[in-house]
Amino acid sequence: MKTRTVTHGGRTVKIALVNQRLSDHSFAAIRSGYRSGDQTWVDRSTDGGKNWTQCGPFNKQFSNDLNNLHYSMRACARFNGASFCTGWYYDND
């Protein structure tokens, strides 16, 4: 699981890319500091993050879950007018 804790505009939010090893799926989650109106999404890449597709955003605490096998993925969130992402994760099994 990749996580990032960000403080912006007087709020601290913990963003996580949650990986489900058995199903090879991942989703973005705001683990702490969520407020109504915050957005989450997953970026997914086939070239290590040089180019990516944004899957979302969703106006909720969790994004949709996506197949992560052979993709680089990162979790992103937008709150207080700014966007933040975790580092990239690659599932190669």
C-alpha atoms as a PDB file:
ATOM      1  CA  MET A   1       0.000   0.000   0.000  1.00  0.00           C
ATOM      2  CA  LYS A   2       1.318   3.431  -0.956  1.00  0.00           C
ATOM      3  CA  THR A   3       0.289   6.288   1.329  1.00  0.00           C
ATOM      4  CA  ARG A   4       0.823  10.017   1.537  1.00  0.00           C
ATOM      5  CA  THR A   5      -0.162  12.420   4.278  1.00  0.00           C
ATOM      6  CA  VAL A   6      -0.709  16.002   3.129  1.00  0.00           C
ATOM      7  CA  THR A   7      -1.489  19.180   5.065  1.00  0.00           C
ATOM      8  CA  HIS A   8      -3.074  21.905   2.964  1.00  0.00           C
ATOM      9  CA  GLY A   9      -5.414  24.759   3.824  1.00  0.00           C
ATOM     10  CA  GLY A  10      -5.446  23.846   7.513  1.00  0.00           C
ATOM     11  CA  ARG A  11      -6.428  20.208   6.912  1.00  0.00           C
ATOM     12  CA  THR A  12      -4.407  17.018   7.103  1.00  0.00           C
ATOM     13  CA  VAL A  13      -5.511  14.188   4.815  1.00  0.00           C
ATOM     14  CA  LYS A  14      -4.049  10.697   4.442  1.00  0.00           C
ATOM     15  CA  ILE A  15      -4.346   9.280   0.910  1.00  0.00           C
ATOM     16  CA  ALA A  16      -3.765   5.577   0.223  1.00  0.00           C
ATOM     17  CA  LEU A  17      -3.556   3.268  -2.760  1.00  0.00           C
ATOM     18  CA  VAL A  18      -5.151   0.106  -1.399  1.00  0.00           C
ATOM     19  CA  ASN A  19      -4.039  -3.089  -3.150  1.00  0.00           C
ATOM     20  CA  GLN A  20      -6.142  -6.230  -3.049  1.00  0.00           C
ATOM     21  CA  ARG A  21      -3.542  -8.932  -3.676  1.00  0.00           C
ATOM     22  CA  LEU A  22      -5.955 -11.813  -4.251  1.00  0.00           C
ATOM     23  CA  SER A  23      -7.997 -10.030  -6.921  1.00  0.00           C
ATOM     24  CA  ASP A  24      -5.172  -7.877  -8.371  1.00  0.00           C
ATOM     25  CA  HIS A  25      -7.245  -4.721  -7.968  1.00  0.00           C
ATOM     26  CA  SER A  26      -6.428  -1.349  -6.403  1.00  0.00           C
ATOM     27  CA  PHE A  27      -8.433   1.703  -5.367  1.00  0.00           C
ATOM     28  CA  ALA A  28      -7.789   5.153  -3.897  1.00  0.00           C
ATOM     29  CA  ALA A  29      -8.962   5.910  -0.372  1.00  0.00           C
ATOM     30  CA  ILE A  30      -8.859   8.891   1.951  1.00  0.00           C
ATOM     31  CA  ARG A  31      -7.912   7.090   5.162  1.00  0.00           C
ATOM     32  CA  SER A  32      -8.224  10.086   7.469  1.00  0.00           C
ATOM     33  CA  GLY A  33      -9.398  13.677   7.191  1.00  0.00           C
ATOM     34  CA  TYR A  34     -12.180  13.014   4.660  1.00  0.00           C
ATOM     35  CA  ARG A  35     -14.920  15.639   4.255  1.00  0.00           C
ATOM     36  CA  SER A  36     -17.947  15.666   2.002  1.00  0.00           C
ATOM     37  CA  GLY A  37     -16.972  17.150  -1.367  1.00  0.00           C
ATOM     38  CA  ASP A  38     -13.460  15.683  -1.408  1.00  0.00           C
ATOM     39  CA  GLN A  39     -12.585  13.702  -4.547  1.00  0.00           C
ATOM     40  CA  THR A  40     -10.596  10.507  -5.140  1.00  0.00           C
ATOM     41  CA  TRP A  41      -9.320   8.747  -8.237  1.00  0.00           C
ATOM     42  CA  VAL A  42      -6.653   6.376  -9.516  1.00  0.00           C
ATOM     43  CA  ASP A  43      -4.104   7.153 -12.211  1.00  0.00           C
ATOM     44  CA  ARG A  44      -3.083   4.072 -14.225  1.00  0.00           C
ATOM     45  CA  SER A  45      -0.028   3.791 -16.506  1.00  0.00           C
ATOM     46  CA  THR A  46       1.584   1.203 -18.767  1.00  0.00           C
ATOM     47  CA  ASP A  47       4.954   3.013 -18.948  1.00  0.00           C
ATOM     48  CA  GLY A  48       5.860   3.604 -15.295  1.00  0.00           C
ATOM     49  CA  GLY A  49       4.047   6.919 -14.961  1.00  0.00           C
ATOM     50  CA  LYS A  50       5.387   8.823 -17.965  1.00  0.00           C
ATOM     51  CA  ASN A  51       1.859   8.789 -19.427  1.00  0.00           C
ATOM     52  CA  TRP A  52      -1.285   7.835 -17.565  1.00  0.00           C
ATOM     53  CA  THR A  53      -5.058   7.663 -17.638  1.00  0.00           C
ATOM     54  CA  GLN A  54      -7.038   9.305 -14.860  1.00  0.00           C
ATOM     55  CA  CYS A  55      -9.838   7.009 -13.689  1.00  0.00           C
ATOM     56  CA  GLY A  56     -12.248   9.404 -11.975  1.00  0.00           C
ATOM     57  CA  PRO A  57     -12.647  11.676 -10.082  1.00  0.00           C
ATOM     58  CA  PHE A  58     -15.301  10.429  -7.705  1.00  0.00           C
ATOM     59  CA  ASN A  59     -16.978  12.667  -5.134  1.00  0.00           C
ATOM     60  CA  LYS A  60     -16.515  10.202  -2.296  1.00  0.00           C
ATOM     61  CA  GLN A  61     -13.977   8.738   0.114  1.00  0.00           C
ATOM     62  CA  PHE A  62     -13.113   5.785  -2.158  1.00  0.00           C
ATOM     63  CA  SER A  63     -12.538   5.540  -5.918  1.00  0.00           C
ATOM     64  CA  ASN A  64     -13.609   2.642  -8.072  1.00  0.00           C
ATOM     65  CA  ASP A  65     -11.332  -0.388  -8.006  1.00  0.00           C
ATOM     66  CA  LEU A  66      -9.322  -1.266 -11.096  1.00  0.00           C
ATOM     67  CA  ASN A  67      -7.246  -4.192 -12.276  1.00  0.00           C
ATOM     68  CA  ASN A  68      -3.642  -3.422 -11.333  1.00  0.00           C
ATOM     69  CA  LEU A  69      -1.832  -6.427 -12.821  1.00  0.00           C
ATOM     70  CA  HIS A  70       0.998  -5.145 -15.061  1.00  0.00           C
ATOM     71  CA  TYR A  71      -0.004  -1.501 -14.500  1.00  0.00           C
ATOM     72  CA  SER A  72       1.650   1.253 -12.500  1.00  0.00           C
ATOM     73  CA  MET A  73      -0.971   2.922 -10.323  1.00  0.00           C
ATOM     74  CA  ARG A  74      -1.219   5.786  -7.862  1.00  0.00           C
ATOM     75  CA  ALA A  75      -3.996   7.135  -5.650  1.00  0.00           C
ATOM     76  CA  CYS A  76      -5.006  10.791  -5.880  1.00  0.00           C
ATOM     77  CA  ALA A  77      -7.281  13.100  -3.949  1.00  0.00           C
ATOM     78  CA  ARG A  78      -8.478  16.672  -4.301  1.00  0.00           C
ATOM     79  CA  PHE A  79      -9.441  18.815  -1.334  1.00  0.00           C
ATOM     80  CA  ASN A  80      -9.321  22.529  -0.497  1.00  0.00           C
ATOM     81  CA  GLY A  81      -8.765  23.300  -4.193  1.00  0.00           C
ATOM     82  CA  ALA A  82      -5.581  21.270  -4.665  1.00  0.00           C
ATOM     83  CA  SER A  83      -4.738  17.757  -5.901  1.00  0.00           C
ATOM     84  CA  PHE A  84      -2.248  15.330  -4.366  1.00  0.00           C
ATOM     85  CA  CYS A  85      -1.096  11.811  -5.303  1.00  0.00           C
ATOM     86  CA  THR A  86       0.837   8.951  -3.762  1.00  0.00           C
ATOM     87  CA  GLY A  87       3.911   7.485  -5.414  1.00  0.00           C
ATOM     88  CA  TRP A  88       3.504   4.909  -8.188  1.00  0.00           C
ATOM     89  CA  TYR A  89       2.997   1.202  -7.408  1.00  0.00           C
ATOM     90  CA  TYR A  90       3.609  -1.606  -9.933  1.00  0.00           C
ATOM     91  CA  ASP A  91       2.010  -5.037  -9.541  1.00  0.00           C
ATOM     92  CA  ASN A  92       4.045  -7.605 -11.466  1.00  0.00           C
ATOM     93  CA  ASP A  93       2.728 -10.917 -10.188  1.00  0.00           C
END
